[in-house]
Amino acid sequence: MSDNTTSKTQPMRIVVTGSAGKLGRCLVRALQADGHMVRGYDKEPGGEETVVGDLINYNLVHQVCQGAHAICHCGAIPGYNGDDISMFGTNIRGTFNVFLAAARGQVRKVVFASSLAILLDKGLGDPLPLEYLPMDERHPPRCQDIYGSTKLFGEELGRVYAVQHGMSVICLRPHHIIYREPDAFTEPVGEGNVACWDVVEAFRLALATDRRYGVYNITGKDWTHITAALAAEELGYKPRW
């Protein structure tokens, strides 16, 4: 992947949960290209630096996170899976385990992959109130499924850990990520979508910031109903697609 970003940081030891997933693989690839030492953690085998394990196994999560400077927490069961019981366990207990391991291991930064499912209408039941457009991070949550509520929980848990333990916690909210090689993106990906490499760039910026806590919408270039202006202002996020 060609890199014209200005968001690189000094080489760090970074743990990426969900490293065998689509976003995780893109992120590991980019962070390694930036010179970071990356360790993956996933239920599925990945590269040689991947530890295979479940997020609900706290002891293993703690072991994997030892000595890390930062954790990129991408591991989760997605909303389309339909298994609410497994989703709740992984996305709630697993996220708690990551933050607990970070605090006990004195990891100084956690970047949490949240979701715009917190704001977007999922078409489930009666639509929830829409107070204004474009929606920013101050808009009240509109969760309509377990997945969105687990991500909202993760954001609040991150705020608590940032306050109690002094770590930096940055929560990124992408939605409907489009996966292609960089040179395959020739035009904006359209309303409601975001290119995987724009999400990766948001992670890079989050790793570089010294902000204690923040929640940021991560959109594509041409969105109108949700704004990423705060990410642009505070992180320097500028989607390419």
Protein backbone atom coordinates (compact mmCIF):
# COMPACT_ATOMS: atom_id res chain seq x y z
CA MET A 1 0.00 0.00 0.00
CA SER A 2 1.40 3.37 -0.99
CA ASP A 3 1.49 5.78 1.90
CA ASN A 4 1.21 9.54 1.75
CA THR A 5 -0.09 9.90 5.28
CA THR A 6 1.32 12.26 7.87
CA SER A 7 -0.10 10.30 10.80
CA LYS A 8 2.81 7.93 11.44
CA THR A 9 4.07 7.55 14.98
CA GLN A 10 7.31 6.26 16.42
CA PRO A 11 7.53 2.45 16.22
CA MET A 12 5.38 0.83 18.90
CA ARG A 13 4.39 -2.60 20.08
CA ILE A 14 0.72 -2.81 19.09
CA VAL A 15 -1.83 -5.55 19.73
CA VAL A 16 -4.62 -5.81 17.14
CA THR A 17 -7.64 -7.84 18.25
CA GLY A 18 -9.75 -9.30 15.48
CA SER A 19 -6.57 -9.42 13.40
CA ALA A 20 -7.86 -12.16 11.10
CA GLY A 21 -10.97 -10.19 10.19
CA LYS A 22 -11.26 -7.90 7.18
CA LEU A 23 -10.50 -4.67 9.02
CA GLY A 24 -7.93 -6.35 11.24
CA ARG A 25 -5.96 -7.67 8.26
CA CYS A 26 -5.88 -4.24 6.62
CA LEU A 27 -4.81 -2.61 9.86
CA VAL A 28 -2.07 -5.14 10.61
CA ARG A 29 -0.71 -4.74 7.09
CA ALA A 30 -0.60 -0.96 7.36
CA LEU A 31 0.88 -0.83 10.86
CA GLN A 32 3.61 -3.29 9.94
CA ALA A 33 4.39 -1.19 6.86
CA ASP A 34 4.74 1.80 9.20
CA GLY A 35 7.41 -0.08 11.17
CA HIS A 36 5.35 -1.08 14.20
CA MET A 37 5.74 -4.43 15.93
CA VAL A 38 2.27 -5.93 15.65
CA ARG A 39 0.83 -8.90 17.49
CA GLY A 40 -2.55 -10.17 16.37
CA TYR A 41 -5.22 -11.82 18.49
CA ASP A 42 -8.12 -13.67 16.93
CA LYS A 43 -10.21 -16.84 17.18
CA GLU A 44 -8.99 -17.71 13.68
CA PRO A 45 -5.35 -18.33 12.70
CA GLY A 46 -3.62 -15.45 10.97
CA GLY A 47 -0.01 -14.52 10.37
CA GLU A 48 2.93 -15.85 12.31
CA GLU A 49 2.54 -13.11 14.92
CA THR A 50 -1.10 -14.00 15.64
CA VAL A 51 -2.12 -15.58 18.94
CA VAL A 52 -5.24 -17.71 18.53
CA GLY A 53 -7.74 -17.18 21.32
CA ASP A 54 -11.14 -15.92 22.39
CA LEU A 55 -11.74 -12.42 23.75
CA ILE A 56 -13.72 -13.86 26.66
CA ASN A 57 -10.55 -15.65 27.88
CA TYR A 58 -9.23 -12.89 30.13
CA ASN A 59 -6.01 -14.66 31.12
CA LEU A 60 -4.95 -15.05 27.50
CA VAL A 61 -5.99 -11.51 26.60
CA HIS A 62 -3.92 -10.24 29.52
CA GLN A 63 -0.92 -12.32 28.41
CA VAL A 64 -1.12 -11.07 24.83
CA CYS A 65 -1.34 -7.42 25.91
CA GLN A 66 1.67 -7.53 28.21
CA GLY A 67 4.39 -5.14 27.06
CA ALA A 68 2.21 -3.43 24.44
CA HIS A 69 2.28 0.32 23.97
CA ALA A 70 -1.16 0.33 22.33
CA ILE A 71 -4.13 -1.90 21.56
CA CYS A 72 -6.35 -1.57 18.49
CA HIS A 73 -9.51 -3.37 19.56
CA CYS A 74 -11.26 -4.49 16.36
CA GLY A 75 -12.41 -7.89 17.59
CA ALA A 76 -16.19 -8.25 17.75
CA ILE A 77 -19.09 -10.29 16.46
CA PRO A 78 -20.77 -8.15 13.76
CA GLY A 79 -24.39 -7.10 13.74
CA TYR A 80 -25.35 -9.24 10.75
CA ASN A 81 -24.29 -12.41 12.59
CA GLY A 82 -27.67 -12.69 14.27
CA ASP A 83 -26.39 -14.56 17.34
CA ASP A 84 -27.22 -12.10 20.10
CA ILE A 85 -25.96 -14.36 22.91
CA SER A 86 -22.50 -14.81 21.40
CA MET A 87 -22.43 -11.17 20.35
CA PHE A 88 -23.18 -9.99 23.87
CA GLY A 89 -20.48 -12.18 25.37
CA THR A 90 -17.75 -11.24 22.91
CA ASN A 91 -18.63 -7.58 22.44
CA ILE A 92 -19.34 -6.82 26.11
CA ARG A 93 -17.22 -9.23 28.14
CA GLY A 94 -14.48 -9.30 25.51
CA THR A 95 -14.24 -5.51 25.39
CA PHE A 96 -14.17 -5.35 29.19
CA ASN A 97 -11.33 -7.89 29.17
CA VAL A 98 -9.34 -5.77 26.72
CA PHE A 99 -9.69 -2.62 28.81
CA LEU A 100 -8.94 -4.47 32.04
CA ALA A 101 -5.84 -6.05 30.50
CA ALA A 102 -4.76 -2.64 29.20
CA ALA A 103 -5.11 -1.05 32.64
CA ARG A 104 -3.33 -3.85 34.48
CA GLY A 105 -0.60 -3.99 31.85
CA GLN A 106 -0.14 -0.20 31.85
CA VAL A 107 -0.89 0.05 28.14
CA ARG A 108 -1.02 3.74 27.40
CA LYS A 109 -3.50 3.78 24.49
CA VAL A 110 -6.55 1.82 23.32
CA VAL A 111 -8.22 2.55 19.98
CA PHE A 112 -11.68 1.02 20.01
CA ALA A 113 -13.54 0.11 16.82
CA SER A 114 -17.03 1.35 17.60
CA SER A 115 -19.76 1.76 14.98
CA LEU A 116 -22.23 4.21 13.51
CA ALA A 117 -24.85 1.58 14.29
CA ILE A 118 -25.20 3.73 17.40
CA LEU A 119 -26.79 6.47 15.27
CA LEU A 120 -28.15 4.91 12.09
CA ASP A 121 -31.70 3.68 11.61
CA LYS A 122 -31.53 -0.10 11.21
CA GLY A 123 -35.14 -0.43 10.07
CA LEU A 124 -36.07 -2.44 13.15
CA GLY A 125 -39.38 -1.41 14.70
CA ASP A 126 -40.45 2.20 14.96
CA PRO A 127 -37.78 4.73 13.89
CA LEU A 128 -36.09 6.44 16.81
CA PRO A 129 -36.16 10.25 17.03
CA LEU A 130 -33.86 12.12 14.69
CA GLU A 131 -33.08 15.48 16.28
CA TYR A 132 -30.98 17.11 13.55
CA LEU A 133 -28.90 16.53 10.43
CA PRO A 134 -26.11 15.95 9.85
CA MET A 135 -25.73 13.89 13.00
CA ASP A 136 -22.54 14.44 14.95
CA GLU A 137 -21.15 12.74 18.05
CA ARG A 138 -23.40 14.80 20.33
CA HIS A 139 -26.56 13.39 18.78
CA PRO A 140 -28.41 11.07 21.22
CA PRO A 141 -27.86 7.35 20.55
CA ARG A 142 -30.42 5.61 18.33
CA CYS A 143 -29.39 1.97 18.84
CA GLN A 144 -31.92 -0.50 17.46
CA ASP A 145 -30.07 -3.78 17.94
CA ILE A 146 -27.76 -5.59 20.33
CA TYR A 147 -24.73 -4.82 18.19
CA GLY A 148 -25.18 -1.05 18.41
CA SER A 149 -25.80 -1.23 22.15
CA THR A 150 -22.61 -3.26 22.66
CA LYS A 151 -20.63 -0.59 20.83
CA LEU A 152 -22.22 2.16 22.91
CA PHE A 153 -21.24 0.21 26.02
CA GLY A 154 -17.65 -0.01 24.73
CA GLU A 155 -17.45 3.76 24.27
CA GLU A 156 -18.66 4.43 27.80
CA LEU A 157 -16.40 1.75 29.25
CA GLY A 158 -13.49 3.37 27.44
CA ARG A 159 -14.35 6.75 28.96
CA VAL A 160 -14.38 5.24 32.45
CA TYR A 161 -11.00 3.58 31.94
CA ALA A 162 -9.51 6.78 30.53
CA VAL A 163 -10.67 8.66 33.63
CA GLN A 164 -9.75 6.02 36.19
CA HIS A 165 -6.46 4.80 34.75
CA GLY A 166 -5.06 7.72 32.78
CA MET A 167 -4.84 5.85 29.49
CA SER A 168 -5.76 7.41 26.16
CA VAL A 169 -8.92 5.89 24.69
CA ILE A 170 -10.06 6.84 21.20
CA CYS A 171 -13.33 5.40 19.84
CA LEU A 172 -13.84 5.35 16.08
CA ARG A 173 -17.27 4.93 14.49
CA PRO A 174 -17.11 3.65 10.89
CA HIS A 175 -19.97 2.01 9.02
CA HIS A 176 -20.30 -0.39 6.08
CA ILE A 177 -16.61 -0.61 5.30
CA ILE A 178 -15.73 -1.30 1.65
CA TYR A 179 -12.71 -3.55 1.18
CA ARG A 180 -10.52 -3.16 -1.92
CA GLU A 181 -6.88 -2.61 -2.71
CA PRO A 182 -5.97 1.10 -2.60
CA ASP A 183 -5.56 1.45 -6.37
CA ALA A 184 -9.05 -0.05 -6.87
CA PHE A 185 -10.65 3.00 -5.24
CA THR A 186 -11.09 5.47 -8.10
CA GLU A 187 -14.01 7.54 -6.81
CA PRO A 188 -15.91 8.24 -3.58
CA VAL A 189 -17.59 5.13 -2.16
CA GLY A 190 -20.90 6.91 -1.69
CA GLU A 191 -23.31 7.79 1.08
CA GLY A 192 -23.30 5.29 3.93
CA ASN A 193 -19.98 3.67 3.01
CA VAL A 194 -16.36 4.19 4.00
CA ALA A 195 -13.21 2.82 2.37
CA CYS A 196 -11.15 0.41 4.45
CA TRP A 197 -7.98 2.44 3.98
CA ASP A 198 -9.73 5.59 5.25
CA VAL A 199 -10.64 3.64 8.39
CA VAL A 200 -7.04 2.47 8.68
CA GLU A 201 -5.90 6.08 8.42
CA ALA A 202 -8.29 7.00 11.23
CA PHE A 203 -6.63 4.33 13.38
CA ARG A 204 -3.21 5.76 12.56
CA LEU A 205 -4.36 9.23 13.55
CA ALA A 206 -5.89 7.87 16.76
CA LEU A 207 -2.60 6.19 17.65
CA ALA A 208 -0.77 9.48 17.08
CA THR A 209 -3.03 11.79 19.08
CA ASP A 210 -2.32 12.71 22.69
CA ARG A 211 -5.98 13.28 23.51
CA ARG A 212 -7.15 11.47 26.63
CA TYR A 213 -10.57 10.43 25.31
CA GLY A 214 -12.66 10.95 22.22
CA VAL A 215 -15.48 9.50 20.13
CA TYR A 216 -15.35 10.16 16.40
CA ASN A 217 -17.64 9.46 13.46
CA ILE A 218 -15.63 8.03 10.56
CA THR A 219 -17.39 8.56 7.24
CA GLY A 220 -16.59 8.47 3.56
CA LYS A 221 -16.02 11.59 1.48
CA ASP A 222 -19.59 12.34 0.34
CA TRP A 223 -21.74 11.69 3.42
CA THR A 224 -24.53 14.17 4.14
CA HIS A 225 -26.55 12.67 7.02
CA ILE A 226 -23.62 12.09 9.39
CA THR A 227 -20.62 14.37 9.77
CA ALA A 228 -17.00 13.52 10.59
CA ALA A 229 -16.13 17.18 11.21
CA LEU A 230 -14.96 16.47 14.76
CA ALA A 231 -12.52 13.81 13.53
CA ALA A 232 -11.25 16.31 10.97
CA GLU A 233 -10.82 19.03 13.57
CA GLU A 234 -9.30 17.00 16.41
CA LEU A 235 -7.52 14.14 14.62
CA GLY A 236 -6.88 15.56 11.15
CA TYR A 237 -9.07 12.93 9.45
CA LYS A 238 -9.65 13.59 5.74
CA PRO A 239 -11.27 10.70 3.86
CA ARG A 240 -9.89 10.13 0.37
CA TRP A 241 -12.88 8.21 -0.93
